[in-house]
């Protein structure tokens, strides 16, 4: 991805810390929570941050995201599945954690990012720093939520 306005990772990290209470974490800490990812995947990762302040995260959410999180939480509680999901995915899917991986090909300027969690305001800010269009992927539990919206008492294929 090309860099727009020569955005320095250092300046972005200060902004994340000051405005969103972001905390820098190491690749090791990130990998501890994501067992299926290998360290060689992080060649262009300059910094990794986490945001755990639920009040800040709540302010970053769009109305649609708030609704999706509420549906997810209600479903997990109603079906006693709150402990079935990994604690990491549980926090991500229920609006209690955001992870931001800042990519930099030259280790100085932002070349891309990966954001795990919900927070449209933060996503829009990071997207504005990138020159190329960014594709937003789904929340890990979005597929499950969609399936539940079609659920019928005897299964989704019965009327």
Protein backbone atom coordinates (compact mmCIF):
# COMPACT_ATOMS: atom_id res chain seq x y z
CA UNK A 1 0.00 0.00 0.00
CA UNK A 2 1.19 3.50 -0.73
CA UNK A 3 1.62 6.06 1.98
CA UNK A 4 -0.55 9.16 1.94
CA UNK A 5 0.93 12.38 3.37
CA UNK A 6 4.04 10.52 4.55
CA UNK A 7 2.45 9.32 7.81
CA UNK A 8 5.08 8.28 10.31
CA UNK A 9 4.37 5.24 12.48
CA UNK A 10 5.90 7.11 15.42
CA UNK A 11 3.35 9.95 15.12
CA UNK A 12 0.44 7.54 14.66
CA UNK A 13 1.50 5.56 17.73
CA UNK A 14 1.59 8.75 19.84
CA UNK A 15 -1.89 9.63 18.56
CA UNK A 16 -3.23 6.16 19.44
CA UNK A 17 -1.73 6.33 22.93
CA UNK A 18 -2.90 9.87 23.68
CA UNK A 19 -6.39 9.69 22.15
CA UNK A 20 -7.43 6.08 22.56
CA UNK A 21 -5.45 4.93 25.60
CA UNK A 22 -3.71 2.36 23.39
CA UNK A 23 -1.01 0.21 24.94
CA UNK A 24 1.87 -1.10 22.86
CA UNK A 25 2.35 -4.86 23.01
CA UNK A 26 5.08 -7.10 21.66
CA UNK A 27 4.76 -9.61 18.85
CA UNK A 28 5.27 -12.30 21.49
CA UNK A 29 2.30 -11.05 23.53
CA UNK A 30 0.17 -10.96 20.39
CA UNK A 31 1.21 -14.47 19.33
CA UNK A 32 0.42 -15.78 22.81
CA UNK A 33 -3.24 -14.92 22.16
CA UNK A 34 -3.19 -16.08 18.51
CA UNK A 35 -1.74 -19.58 18.51
CA UNK A 36 -2.32 -20.22 14.79
CA UNK A 37 -0.16 -17.33 13.54
CA UNK A 38 3.56 -17.63 12.94
CA UNK A 39 6.15 -14.97 13.72
CA UNK A 40 7.46 -14.80 10.13
CA UNK A 41 4.09 -13.27 9.18
CA UNK A 42 5.17 -10.08 10.97
CA UNK A 43 7.98 -8.99 8.68
CA UNK A 44 6.38 -5.59 7.93
CA UNK A 45 4.73 -5.04 11.33
CA UNK A 46 6.23 -1.97 12.99
CA UNK A 47 4.09 -1.78 16.14
CA UNK A 48 1.16 -3.56 17.76
CA UNK A 49 -1.32 -1.88 20.10
CA UNK A 50 -4.28 -2.96 22.17
CA UNK A 51 -7.17 -0.89 23.45
CA UNK A 52 -9.01 -2.39 26.41
CA UNK A 53 -10.77 0.67 27.85
CA UNK A 54 -14.43 -0.23 27.27
CA UNK A 55 -15.57 3.41 27.55
CA UNK A 56 -13.20 4.46 24.78
CA UNK A 57 -14.19 1.48 22.64
CA UNK A 58 -17.88 2.30 23.15
CA UNK A 59 -17.22 5.81 21.77
CA UNK A 60 -15.51 4.33 18.70
CA UNK A 61 -18.45 2.13 17.73
CA UNK A 62 -20.99 2.87 15.03
CA UNK A 63 -24.66 2.24 15.83
CA UNK A 64 -24.55 -0.90 13.69
CA UNK A 65 -21.52 -2.22 15.58
CA UNK A 66 -23.23 -1.53 18.93
CA UNK A 67 -26.24 -3.51 17.76
CA UNK A 68 -24.10 -6.43 16.52
CA UNK A 69 -22.18 -6.58 19.79
CA UNK A 70 -25.40 -6.57 21.80
CA UNK A 71 -26.75 -9.47 19.71
CA UNK A 72 -23.49 -11.39 20.17
CA UNK A 73 -23.43 -10.87 23.94
CA UNK A 74 -27.10 -11.79 24.34
CA UNK A 75 -26.66 -14.95 22.29
CA UNK A 76 -23.56 -16.07 24.17
CA UNK A 77 -25.19 -15.48 27.56
CA UNK A 78 -28.54 -17.00 26.59
CA UNK A 79 -26.90 -20.19 25.35
CA UNK A 80 -24.23 -20.38 28.07
CA UNK A 81 -21.54 -20.20 25.42
CA UNK A 82 -19.67 -17.26 26.90
CA UNK A 83 -16.87 -19.64 27.98
CA UNK A 84 -16.93 -21.75 24.78
CA UNK A 85 -15.21 -19.01 22.76
CA UNK A 86 -11.54 -18.27 23.44
CA UNK A 87 -11.13 -15.37 25.89
CA UNK A 88 -9.32 -13.39 23.18
CA UNK A 89 -12.08 -13.85 20.57
CA UNK A 90 -14.69 -13.25 23.26
CA UNK A 91 -13.18 -9.85 24.09
CA UNK A 92 -12.83 -8.92 20.41
CA UNK A 93 -16.39 -9.94 19.53
CA UNK A 94 -18.03 -8.35 22.55
CA UNK A 95 -16.42 -4.92 22.20
CA UNK A 96 -13.91 -5.21 25.03
CA UNK A 97 -10.70 -5.31 23.00
CA UNK A 98 -9.26 -3.80 19.84
CA UNK A 99 -5.90 -4.85 18.42
CA UNK A 100 -4.10 -2.65 15.87
CA UNK A 101 -1.09 -3.85 13.90
CA UNK A 102 0.69 -1.00 12.11
CA UNK A 103 2.56 -2.09 8.98
CA UNK A 104 5.58 -0.28 7.63
CA UNK A 105 7.68 -1.53 4.75
CA UNK A 106 10.45 0.99 5.54
CA UNK A 107 9.92 0.85 9.36
CA UNK A 108 9.29 4.62 9.37
CA UNK A 109 6.11 5.38 7.39
CA UNK A 110 2.74 3.66 7.60
CA UNK A 111 2.12 1.34 4.67
CA UNK A 112 -0.94 -0.51 6.03
CA UNK A 113 -2.67 -1.80 9.13
CA UNK A 114 -4.67 -4.68 10.51
CA UNK A 115 -7.38 -3.99 13.06
CA UNK A 116 -9.07 -6.74 15.07
CA UNK A 117 -12.23 -5.65 16.82
CA UNK A 118 -14.96 -3.11 16.31
CA UNK A 119 -14.47 0.64 16.20
CA UNK A 120 -15.59 2.40 13.04
CA UNK A 121 -14.16 5.78 14.18
CA UNK A 122 -10.69 4.30 14.65
CA UNK A 123 -10.96 2.29 11.43
CA UNK A 124 -11.91 5.44 9.50
CA UNK A 125 -8.96 7.34 11.02
CA UNK A 126 -6.47 4.63 10.07
CA UNK A 127 -8.02 4.25 6.62
CA UNK A 128 -7.64 7.99 6.00
CA UNK A 129 -3.88 7.56 6.39
CA UNK A 130 -3.67 4.99 3.60
CA UNK A 131 -3.73 5.98 -0.07
CA UNK A 132 -5.31 2.77 -1.36
CA UNK A 133 -8.80 1.46 -0.54
CA UNK A 134 -8.93 -0.88 2.44
CA UNK A 135 -11.21 -3.89 2.58
CA UNK A 136 -12.96 -4.38 5.89
CA UNK A 137 -13.36 -8.01 6.89
CA UNK A 138 -16.12 -9.36 9.08
CA UNK A 139 -16.17 -9.75 12.82
CA UNK A 140 -15.34 -13.41 13.61
CA UNK A 141 -18.83 -13.99 14.99
CA UNK A 142 -20.72 -12.13 12.24
CA UNK A 143 -21.31 -15.37 10.35
CA UNK A 144 -22.81 -16.93 13.46
CA UNK A 145 -24.99 -13.88 14.07
CA UNK A 146 -26.25 -14.04 10.48
CA UNK A 147 -27.06 -17.72 10.88
CA UNK A 148 -28.98 -17.04 14.10
CA UNK A 149 -31.08 -14.40 12.38
CA UNK A 150 -32.44 -17.21 10.14
CA UNK A 151 -32.88 -19.70 12.95
CA UNK A 152 -36.23 -21.44 13.35
CA UNK A 153 -37.19 -23.60 16.38
CA UNK A 154 -36.58 -26.82 14.43
CA UNK A 155 -33.66 -25.59 12.36
CA UNK A 156 -33.18 -22.90 9.75
CA UNK A 157 -34.41 -25.13 6.89
CA UNK A 158 -37.81 -25.83 8.46
CA UNK A 159 -40.71 -23.40 8.41
